[in-house]
Protein backbone atom coordinates (compact mmCIF):
# COMPACT_ATOMS: atom_id res chain seq x y z
CA UNK A 1 -55.98 22.31 36.86
CA UNK A 2 -53.80 24.97 35.26
CA UNK A 3 -51.06 24.25 37.81
CA UNK A 4 -51.24 20.56 36.97
CA UNK A 5 -51.01 21.25 33.24
CA UNK A 6 -48.06 23.58 33.78
CA UNK A 7 -46.30 20.94 35.89
CA UNK A 8 -46.80 18.32 33.18
CA UNK A 9 -45.42 20.73 30.57
CA UNK A 10 -42.34 21.50 32.63
CA UNK A 11 -41.78 17.80 33.35
CA UNK A 12 -42.09 17.00 29.65
CA UNK A 13 -39.57 19.67 28.75
CA UNK A 14 -37.11 18.42 31.38
CA UNK A 15 -37.47 14.82 30.24
CA UNK A 16 -37.22 15.85 26.61
CA UNK A 17 -34.08 17.84 27.14
CA UNK A 18 -32.65 14.98 29.16
CA UNK A 19 -33.36 12.52 26.37
CA UNK A 20 -31.84 14.84 23.79
CA UNK A 21 -28.76 15.23 25.92
CA UNK A 22 -28.58 11.48 26.40
CA UNK A 23 -29.00 10.85 22.68
CA UNK A 24 -26.12 13.17 21.86
CA UNK A 25 -23.69 11.50 24.24
CA UNK A 26 -20.89 9.79 22.34
CA UNK A 27 -18.16 7.37 23.24
CA UNK A 28 -14.93 9.35 22.98
CA UNK A 29 -11.89 7.32 21.91
CA UNK A 30 -8.42 8.81 21.79
CA UNK A 31 -6.05 7.32 19.23
CA UNK A 32 -2.37 7.86 19.94
CA UNK A 33 -0.50 8.25 16.63
CA UNK A 34 3.12 8.61 15.58
CA UNK A 35 3.82 9.99 12.12
CA UNK A 36 5.97 12.38 10.09
CA UNK A 37 5.02 15.79 8.66
CA UNK A 38 3.23 15.90 5.31
CA UNK A 39 3.39 18.90 2.95
CA UNK A 40 -0.36 19.01 2.43
CA UNK A 41 -1.23 18.99 6.12
CA UNK A 42 1.54 20.68 8.13
CA UNK A 43 -0.61 21.59 11.16
CA UNK A 44 -3.02 18.68 11.35
CA UNK A 45 -2.95 14.96 11.82
CA UNK A 46 -2.70 12.82 8.72
CA UNK A 47 -5.85 10.91 9.70
CA UNK A 48 -8.02 13.90 10.52
CA UNK A 49 -8.24 17.05 12.69
CA UNK A 50 -6.08 16.99 15.80
CA UNK A 51 -8.02 17.63 19.00
CA UNK A 52 -5.82 20.53 20.09
CA UNK A 53 -8.37 23.32 20.32
CA UNK A 54 -8.19 24.15 16.63
CA UNK A 55 -11.31 26.03 15.58
CA UNK A 56 -13.56 24.74 12.85
CA UNK A 57 -12.67 27.73 10.70
CA UNK A 58 -9.01 26.65 10.72
CA UNK A 59 -9.72 23.07 9.64
CA UNK A 60 -9.39 22.59 5.86
CA UNK A 61 -12.50 21.57 3.99
CA UNK A 62 -10.88 18.37 2.77
CA UNK A 63 -10.85 16.97 6.31
CA UNK A 64 -14.50 16.14 5.79
CA UNK A 65 -13.15 13.22 3.79
CA UNK A 66 -10.41 12.26 6.24
CA UNK A 67 -10.55 8.69 7.60
CA UNK A 68 -11.52 9.75 11.13
CA UNK A 69 -14.38 11.99 10.01
CA UNK A 70 -15.71 9.35 7.60
CA UNK A 71 -15.43 6.73 10.36
CA UNK A 72 -17.43 8.97 12.70
CA UNK A 73 -20.13 9.41 10.06
CA UNK A 74 -20.35 5.64 9.74
CA UNK A 75 -20.37 5.23 13.54
CA UNK A 76 -22.48 8.10 14.90
CA UNK A 77 -22.11 6.94 18.50
CA UNK A 78 -18.33 7.35 18.46
CA UNK A 79 -16.06 10.41 18.52
CA UNK A 80 -12.37 9.98 17.71
CA UNK A 81 -9.77 12.26 19.24
CA UNK A 82 -6.30 12.18 17.70
CA UNK A 83 -3.25 12.60 19.90
CA UNK A 84 -0.51 12.88 17.28
CA UNK A 85 3.26 12.93 17.72
CA UNK A 86 4.57 14.50 14.51
CA UNK A 87 8.29 13.71 14.35
CA UNK A 88 10.59 15.33 11.73
CA UNK A 89 11.77 12.88 9.08
CA UNK A 90 15.39 13.58 9.99
CA UNK A 91 14.76 12.17 13.47
CA UNK A 92 11.96 9.73 12.74
CA UNK A 93 13.87 6.45 12.65
CA UNK A 94 15.60 7.19 15.94
CA UNK A 95 12.35 8.13 17.68
CA UNK A 96 10.59 5.14 16.15
CA UNK A 97 13.07 2.67 17.60
CA UNK A 98 13.01 4.45 20.95
CA UNK A 99 9.23 3.97 20.95
CA UNK A 100 9.70 0.28 20.17
CA UNK A 101 12.29 -0.25 22.90
CA UNK A 102 10.09 1.55 25.43
CA UNK A 103 6.98 -0.34 24.25
CA UNK A 104 5.08 2.93 23.93
CA UNK A 105 1.35 2.50 23.64
CA UNK A 106 0.64 3.97 20.23
CA UNK A 107 -2.46 2.93 18.34
CA UNK A 108 -1.02 3.68 14.90
CA UNK A 109 2.52 4.23 13.65
CA UNK A 110 3.49 5.39 10.18
CA UNK A 111 6.13 3.10 8.65
CA UNK A 112 8.37 3.36 5.60
CA UNK A 113 8.39 0.18 3.53
CA UNK A 114 12.12 -0.19 4.18
CA UNK A 115 11.41 -0.58 7.91
CA UNK A 116 8.61 -3.14 7.79
CA UNK A 117 10.79 -6.25 8.22
CA UNK A 118 13.00 -4.80 10.94
CA UNK A 119 10.02 -3.58 12.94
CA UNK A 120 7.89 -6.69 12.46
CA UNK A 121 10.82 -8.76 13.68
CA UNK A 122 10.92 -6.84 16.99
CA UNK A 123 7.49 -8.18 17.96
CA UNK A 124 6.31 -4.66 18.79
CA UNK A 125 3.69 -4.72 16.02
CA UNK A 126 0.76 -7.09 15.70
CA UNK A 127 -0.09 -9.28 12.71
CA UNK A 128 -3.60 -9.95 14.07
CA UNK A 129 -5.32 -8.25 11.11
CA UNK A 130 -3.24 -10.05 8.50
CA UNK A 131 -6.08 -12.03 6.94
CA UNK A 132 -8.21 -8.92 6.47
CA UNK A 133 -5.32 -7.12 4.80
CA UNK A 134 -4.75 -10.10 2.51
CA UNK A 135 -8.41 -10.19 1.55
CA UNK A 136 -8.42 -6.47 0.80
CA UNK A 137 -5.26 -6.80 -1.29
CA UNK A 138 -6.81 -9.59 -3.35
CA UNK A 139 -10.14 -7.86 -3.85
CA UNK A 140 -8.68 -4.47 -4.75
CA UNK A 141 -5.81 -5.69 -6.89
CA UNK A 142 -2.95 -4.41 -4.77
CA UNK A 143 0.08 -4.67 -7.07
CA UNK A 144 2.19 -7.73 -6.11
CA UNK A 145 5.18 -5.59 -5.20
CA UNK A 146 3.21 -3.92 -2.42
CA UNK A 147 1.77 -7.18 -1.15
CA UNK A 148 5.34 -8.40 -0.73
CA UNK A 149 6.42 -5.15 0.87
CA UNK A 150 3.60 -5.32 3.43
CA UNK A 151 4.41 -8.91 4.38
CA UNK A 152 6.86 -10.43 6.83
CA UNK A 153 7.14 -14.20 7.31
CA UNK A 154 3.75 -14.79 5.74
CA UNK A 155 1.81 -12.14 7.67
CA UNK A 156 0.65 -8.79 6.31
CA UNK A 157 1.27 -6.12 8.92
CA UNK A 158 -0.70 -3.47 7.08
CA UNK A 159 -1.20 -2.25 3.53
CA UNK A 160 1.39 -0.18 1.69
CA UNK A 161 -1.20 2.34 0.62
CA UNK A 162 0.84 5.05 -1.10
CA UNK A 163 3.99 5.29 -3.13
CA UNK A 164 5.85 7.30 -5.75
CA UNK A 165 7.16 6.56 -9.22
CA UNK A 166 10.71 7.05 -10.36
CA UNK A 167 11.06 9.06 -13.54
CA UNK A 168 13.43 10.62 -16.02
CA UNK A 169 12.45 14.21 -16.78
CA UNK A 170 13.36 15.62 -20.18
CA UNK A 171 13.43 19.08 -21.79
CA UNK A 172 11.99 18.23 -25.17
CA UNK A 173 13.40 21.24 -26.99
CA UNK A 174 16.94 20.03 -26.30
CA UNK A 175 16.02 16.44 -27.14
CA UNK A 176 14.49 17.44 -30.47
CA UNK A 177 17.35 19.80 -31.32
CA UNK A 178 19.70 16.85 -30.89
CA UNK A 179 17.58 14.89 -33.37
CA UNK A 180 15.79 12.49 -30.99
CA UNK A 181 12.28 11.75 -29.74
CA UNK A 182 10.97 10.48 -26.40
CA UNK A 183 10.51 7.06 -27.95
CA UNK A 184 14.19 7.02 -28.99
CA UNK A 185 15.37 7.37 -25.39
CA UNK A 186 12.74 5.19 -23.70
CA UNK A 187 14.99 2.13 -23.93
CA UNK A 188 18.18 1.77 -21.92
CA UNK A 189 20.17 1.26 -25.11
CA UNK A 190 18.46 4.18 -26.86
CA UNK A 191 19.27 6.62 -24.07
CA UNK A 192 22.87 5.47 -23.98
CA UNK A 193 23.28 5.88 -27.75
CA UNK A 194 21.66 9.32 -27.78
CA UNK A 195 23.38 10.72 -24.70
CA UNK A 196 26.60 12.02 -26.39
CA UNK A 197 24.57 13.98 -28.95
CA UNK A 198 22.16 15.30 -26.35
CA UNK A 199 25.05 16.36 -24.10
CA UNK A 200 26.78 18.15 -26.96
CA UNK A 201 23.57 19.93 -27.99
CA UNK A 202 22.76 20.90 -24.39
CA UNK A 203 26.16 22.48 -23.88
CA UNK A 204 26.71 24.12 -27.27
CA UNK A 205 23.21 25.23 -28.24
CA UNK A 206 21.52 25.77 -24.86
CA UNK A 207 24.46 26.73 -22.64
CA UNK A 208 23.64 23.92 -20.19
CA UNK A 209 26.04 22.08 -17.89
CA UNK A 210 25.27 18.69 -19.41
CA UNK A 211 22.85 16.29 -21.01
CA UNK A 212 21.98 13.98 -18.11
CA UNK A 213 22.25 14.59 -14.38
CA UNK A 214 22.77 11.35 -12.43
CA UNK A 215 22.37 11.44 -8.62
CA UNK A 216 25.33 9.42 -7.37
CA UNK A 217 24.48 8.69 -3.76
CA UNK A 218 24.01 5.32 -2.12
CA UNK A 219 20.26 5.06 -1.70
CA UNK A 220 19.26 6.56 -5.03
CA UNK A 221 21.77 4.69 -7.20
CA UNK A 222 21.05 1.31 -5.63
CA UNK A 223 17.29 1.82 -5.80
CA UNK A 224 17.51 2.70 -9.48
CA UNK A 225 19.84 -0.24 -10.12
CA UNK A 226 17.43 -2.77 -8.64
CA UNK A 227 14.89 -2.02 -11.38
CA UNK A 228 17.44 -2.67 -14.12
CA UNK A 229 18.71 -5.77 -12.29
CA UNK A 230 15.21 -7.29 -12.22
CA UNK A 231 14.59 -6.37 -15.86
CA UNK A 232 17.68 -8.30 -16.82
CA UNK A 233 16.71 -11.41 -14.87
CA UNK A 234 18.56 -10.87 -11.61
CA UNK A 235 17.28 -10.13 -8.12
CA UNK A 236 18.44 -8.60 -4.87
CA UNK A 237 18.18 -11.98 -3.14
CA UNK A 238 16.92 -15.40 -4.12
CA UNK A 239 16.39 -18.67 -2.29
CA UNK A 240 18.65 -21.65 -2.86
CA UNK A 241 17.64 -25.33 -2.87
CA UNK A 242 17.64 -25.36 0.94
CA UNK A 243 15.24 -22.41 1.07
CA UNK A 244 17.93 -20.04 2.32
CA UNK A 245 18.40 -16.48 1.10
CA UNK A 246 21.48 -15.92 -1.08
CA UNK A 247 22.62 -13.00 -3.27
CA UNK A 248 20.77 -12.78 -6.58
CA UNK A 249 22.92 -10.11 -8.22
CA UNK A 250 26.29 -11.82 -8.68
CA UNK A 251 25.51 -12.92 -12.22
CA UNK A 252 25.23 -11.67 -15.80
CA UNK A 253 22.30 -9.41 -14.89
CA UNK A 254 24.29 -7.75 -12.12
CA UNK A 255 27.35 -7.29 -14.34
CA UNK A 256 25.26 -5.70 -17.09
CA UNK A 257 23.55 -3.40 -14.56
CA UNK A 258 26.78 -2.00 -13.13
CA UNK A 259 28.43 -1.72 -16.53
CA UNK A 260 25.40 0.19 -17.80
CA UNK A 261 25.85 2.85 -15.11
CA UNK A 262 29.54 3.07 -16.02
CA UNK A 263 28.60 3.36 -19.70
CA UNK A 264 26.21 6.24 -18.94
CA UNK A 265 29.01 8.15 -17.24
CA UNK A 266 31.41 7.48 -20.10
CA UNK A 267 28.72 8.65 -22.55
CA UNK A 268 28.44 12.00 -20.76
CA UNK A 269 26.20 11.65 -17.70
CA UNK A 270 27.19 13.98 -14.86
CA UNK A 271 27.59 12.30 -11.48
CA UNK A 272 26.10 14.44 -8.72
CA UNK A 273 27.37 13.60 -5.26
CA UNK A 274 25.59 16.66 -3.81
CA UNK A 275 22.15 15.97 -5.21
CA UNK A 276 19.68 18.83 -5.72
CA UNK A 277 16.28 17.26 -5.09
CA UNK A 278 12.94 18.34 -6.50
CA UNK A 279 14.31 19.04 -9.99
CA UNK A 280 16.27 22.08 -8.78
CA UNK A 281 19.00 21.92 -11.44
CA UNK A 282 16.61 20.70 -14.11
CA UNK A 283 14.21 23.60 -13.56
CA UNK A 284 17.15 25.99 -13.78
CA UNK A 285 17.82 24.37 -17.16
CA UNK A 286 21.29 23.26 -16.22
CA UNK A 287 20.65 19.78 -17.63
CA UNK A 288 18.57 18.45 -20.49
CA UNK A 289 17.54 15.35 -18.51
CA UNK A 290 17.52 14.33 -14.89
CA UNK A 291 16.47 11.44 -12.68
CA UNK A 292 13.80 12.19 -10.08
CA UNK A 293 10.26 11.02 -9.41
CA UNK A 294 6.55 11.73 -9.48
CA UNK A 295 6.94 13.57 -6.17
CA UNK A 296 8.67 16.39 -8.06
CA UNK A 297 5.79 17.07 -10.44
CA UNK A 298 4.78 20.23 -8.58
CA UNK A 299 8.19 21.72 -9.38
CA UNK A 300 7.14 21.81 -13.05
CA UNK A 301 3.47 22.71 -12.69
CA UNK A 302 4.10 25.48 -10.15
CA UNK A 303 6.82 27.01 -12.33
CA UNK A 304 4.39 27.25 -15.26
CA UNK A 305 0.96 27.86 -13.71
CA UNK A 306 -0.42 29.45 -16.87
CA UNK A 307 0.57 26.62 -19.19
CA UNK A 308 -2.08 24.22 -20.43
CA UNK A 309 -1.53 20.49 -20.13
CA UNK A 310 -0.81 20.33 -23.84
CA UNK A 311 1.80 23.06 -23.51
CA UNK A 312 3.42 21.33 -20.53
CA UNK A 313 3.68 18.01 -22.34
CA UNK A 314 5.13 19.80 -25.36
CA UNK A 315 7.84 21.22 -23.08
CA UNK A 316 8.60 18.38 -20.68
CA UNK A 317 8.68 14.61 -21.18
CA UNK A 318 8.51 11.88 -18.54
CA UNK A 319 9.77 8.28 -18.66
CA UNK A 320 9.18 6.02 -15.60
CA UNK A 321 12.56 4.37 -16.16
CA UNK A 322 14.41 3.16 -19.21
CA UNK A 323 13.71 -0.43 -20.27
CA UNK A 324 16.28 -2.76 -21.78
CA UNK A 325 15.22 -3.97 -25.21
CA UNK A 326 13.02 -7.05 -25.03
CA UNK A 327 12.52 -6.69 -21.26
CA UNK A 328 9.59 -5.60 -19.09
CA UNK A 329 9.54 -2.33 -17.19
CA UNK A 330 10.66 -2.86 -13.61
CA UNK A 331 11.45 -0.08 -11.16
CA UNK A 332 11.87 -0.06 -7.41
CA UNK A 333 8.76 1.33 -5.72
CA UNK A 334 8.66 1.72 -1.95
CA UNK A 335 5.89 3.28 0.05
CA UNK A 336 4.29 3.99 3.41
CA UNK A 337 1.83 2.08 5.56
CA UNK A 338 0.20 2.19 8.98
CA UNK A 339 1.13 -0.50 11.51
CA UNK A 340 -0.61 -1.25 14.80
CA UNK A 341 1.48 -2.04 17.92
CA UNK A 342 0.60 -5.05 20.07
CA UNK A 343 0.29 -2.68 23.04
CA UNK A 344 -2.20 -0.41 21.24
CA UNK A 345 -4.98 0.66 23.63
CA UNK A 346 -7.55 0.64 20.80
CA UNK A 347 -6.34 -1.80 18.11
CA UNK A 348 -9.78 -2.64 16.70
CA UNK A 349 -10.78 1.01 16.30
CA UNK A 350 -7.37 1.90 14.83
CA UNK A 351 -7.77 -0.92 12.31
CA UNK A 352 -11.32 0.13 11.46
CA UNK A 353 -10.22 3.72 10.83
CA UNK A 354 -7.53 2.56 8.41
CA UNK A 355 -9.90 0.21 6.63
CA UNK A 356 -12.46 3.04 6.40
CA UNK A 357 -9.91 5.00 4.40
CA UNK A 358 -8.87 2.06 2.24
CA UNK A 359 -12.46 1.16 1.37
CA UNK A 360 -13.70 4.69 0.75
CA UNK A 361 -12.35 5.94 -2.57
CA UNK A 362 -13.25 9.56 -1.78
CA UNK A 363 -11.40 9.46 1.53
CA UNK A 364 -8.46 7.55 0.05
CA UNK A 365 -8.24 9.99 -2.88
CA UNK A 366 -8.11 13.02 -0.61
CA UNK A 367 -5.31 11.52 1.46
CA UNK A 368 -3.24 10.72 -1.62
CA UNK A 369 -3.76 14.14 -3.15
CA UNK A 370 -2.91 16.02 0.05
CA UNK A 371 0.37 14.11 0.37
CA UNK A 372 1.19 14.22 -3.34
CA UNK A 373 1.53 10.43 -3.48
CA UNK A 374 0.35 7.70 -5.83
CA UNK A 375 -1.88 4.71 -5.04
CA UNK A 376 -0.65 1.14 -4.99
CA UNK A 377 -3.52 -0.59 -6.79
CA UNK A 378 -5.25 -0.32 -10.14
CA UNK A 379 -8.52 0.04 -8.19
CA UNK A 380 -7.41 3.48 -7.01
CA UNK A 381 -5.47 4.53 -10.10
CA UNK A 382 -8.68 4.15 -12.08
CA UNK A 383 -10.96 5.63 -9.42
CA UNK A 384 -12.75 8.71 -10.86
CA UNK A 385 -12.57 10.34 -7.41
CA UNK A 386 -8.78 10.26 -7.66
CA UNK A 387 -7.90 10.36 -11.33
CA UNK A 388 -10.19 13.29 -12.16
CA UNK A 389 -8.67 15.40 -9.37
CA UNK A 390 -5.06 14.54 -10.16
CA UNK A 391 -5.34 15.11 -13.90
CA UNK A 392 -6.68 18.60 -13.26
CA UNK A 393 -3.22 19.48 -12.00
CA UNK A 394 -0.95 17.27 -14.12
CA UNK A 395 -1.18 16.13 -17.74
CA UNK A 396 -2.78 12.73 -18.19
CA UNK A 397 0.23 11.40 -20.20
CA UNK A 398 2.41 11.98 -17.13
CA UNK A 399 -0.17 10.28 -14.92
CA UNK A 400 -0.18 7.26 -17.21
CA UNK A 401 3.62 7.06 -17.11
CA UNK A 402 3.60 7.21 -13.30
CA UNK A 403 1.06 4.38 -13.21
CA UNK A 404 3.30 2.29 -15.46
CA UNK A 405 6.19 2.85 -13.07
CA UNK A 406 4.16 1.85 -10.02
CA UNK A 407 2.56 -1.20 -11.68
CA UNK A 408 6.00 -2.45 -12.72
CA UNK A 409 7.46 -2.00 -9.27
CA UNK A 410 9.88 -4.34 -7.53
CA UNK A 411 10.25 -4.82 -3.81
CA UNK A 412 13.13 -4.61 -1.39
CA UNK A 413 13.48 -7.92 0.50
CA UNK A 414 11.69 -8.13 3.87
CA UNK A 415 14.82 -8.63 5.91
CA UNK A 416 16.10 -6.73 8.90
CA UNK A 417 19.56 -6.68 7.30
CA UNK A 418 18.45 -4.95 4.10
CA UNK A 419 20.40 -1.74 4.75
CA UNK A 420 23.63 -3.74 4.99
CA UNK A 421 22.83 -5.53 1.72
CA UNK A 422 22.16 -2.18 0.08
CA UNK A 423 25.53 -0.87 1.26
CA UNK A 424 27.38 -3.88 -0.14
CA UNK A 425 25.88 -3.29 -3.58
CA UNK A 426 26.63 0.44 -3.33
CA UNK A 427 30.27 -0.31 -2.54
CA UNK A 428 30.42 -2.51 -5.64
CA UNK A 429 28.84 0.23 -7.75
CA UNK A 430 31.41 2.81 -6.67
CA UNK A 431 34.28 0.41 -7.36
CA UNK A 432 33.05 -0.11 -10.93
CA UNK A 433 31.95 3.42 -11.83
CA UNK A 434 34.74 5.49 -10.26
CA UNK A 435 37.32 2.91 -9.14
CA UNK A 436 38.00 1.08 -12.37
CA UNK A 437 37.32 -2.36 -10.85
CA UNK A 438 35.63 -4.92 -13.09
CA UNK A 439 31.94 -5.55 -12.41
CA UNK A 440 32.64 -9.27 -11.96
CA UNK A 441 35.25 -8.67 -9.26
CA UNK A 442 33.19 -5.99 -7.46
CA UNK A 443 30.10 -8.20 -7.40
CA UNK A 444 32.09 -11.21 -6.14
CA UNK A 445 33.21 -9.09 -3.21
CA UNK A 446 29.68 -7.75 -2.58
CA UNK A 447 28.20 -11.25 -2.73
CA UNK A 448 30.71 -12.49 -0.15
CA UNK A 449 29.75 -9.62 2.14
CA UNK A 450 26.05 -10.33 1.73
CA UNK A 451 26.49 -14.06 2.40
CA UNK A 452 28.19 -13.22 5.71
CA UNK A 453 25.41 -10.76 6.54
CA UNK A 454 22.74 -13.36 5.85
CA UNK A 455 24.56 -15.98 7.92
CA UNK A 456 24.36 -13.55 10.84
């Protein structure tokens, strides 16, 4: 009898252990990902821990809120392994197009907003989740600019989920010494009028190189110009009566935009061909004001770690972009999104992981904070999970200014030929600002170039 009881006990233990083992079995899915490095996560995948043998002790705590980990919590029978190709930004575009031409089987690819149209046009990426993206955008209040930027020929290929805000950074002590306030220089006309006095004060009283540092390179100047162009009633492109794209800048708005840049230079702005990013010259107090963006905020906060938010805002002012009197704030705002290739081995899972992040404010907030980016919808800007964390590090007045810049964003056109259009406008800008050509003549030439580009 004892032998029988012992046999039953052993059998029960074996069956029990077998059931436990069976219960713990998970479906393992490997997602192949292509992305670029991110400052907040240099050794890990953007979406979650990379399955490369990294020990749990080496995985940052915030990965508990990464999209993959949250997805696994919501789907306990599934384990996601990330196989991530992290390509340097300097080589990313080349490698991206090589992947497209080779039809590589990635599940997710990180895309800059400027590349959406070109890549959608190749047919490499799938629009199969378009309706879900559109529904999300409507429900969450994705700002219109980012809806447009995520869309190609009526289909949304993803959601532009993070962005930055352009900004003018100002040393307030110089501004006040020159007799002006932040409100005085918040308009395009006000900044122009004040610039000679600010430049003089910066040089004579603060031993600075100048009053306003203006980055004079193609991408930055054109991007800044688009915001002013839209404020003034122009556009990059517009559709004619036949529904065809035509230049939207060869008009009064375009002339005023280019002449304004020329006026800034004549009023004392310093053109910088060799641009020092991340507020380098500004933080060295070489200039009283400089153009940069929200992405440079850490340059200020890290330089003054012991300053309170009140002290920081007393020292440094932020304007999203200057606004022409009587006009609405408009500023170019690009961004990044995930796109799913048609050849993706696991498209549904890849999509679900992305939507997990977009629908989980905690997860979404952690991703934004780690990358130092801004959200693209009011839903996330106002999310306590995000706002409370961000405003611990930066003053709330700056945060509010960045939100204004993002909400007033304008979109580059979803055309594969955008880079050529950008170059045509840049050529016109150089002719006016440094070549002495009239804005009307320069824009006529640029418009002719763009018309030929659009005709193919």
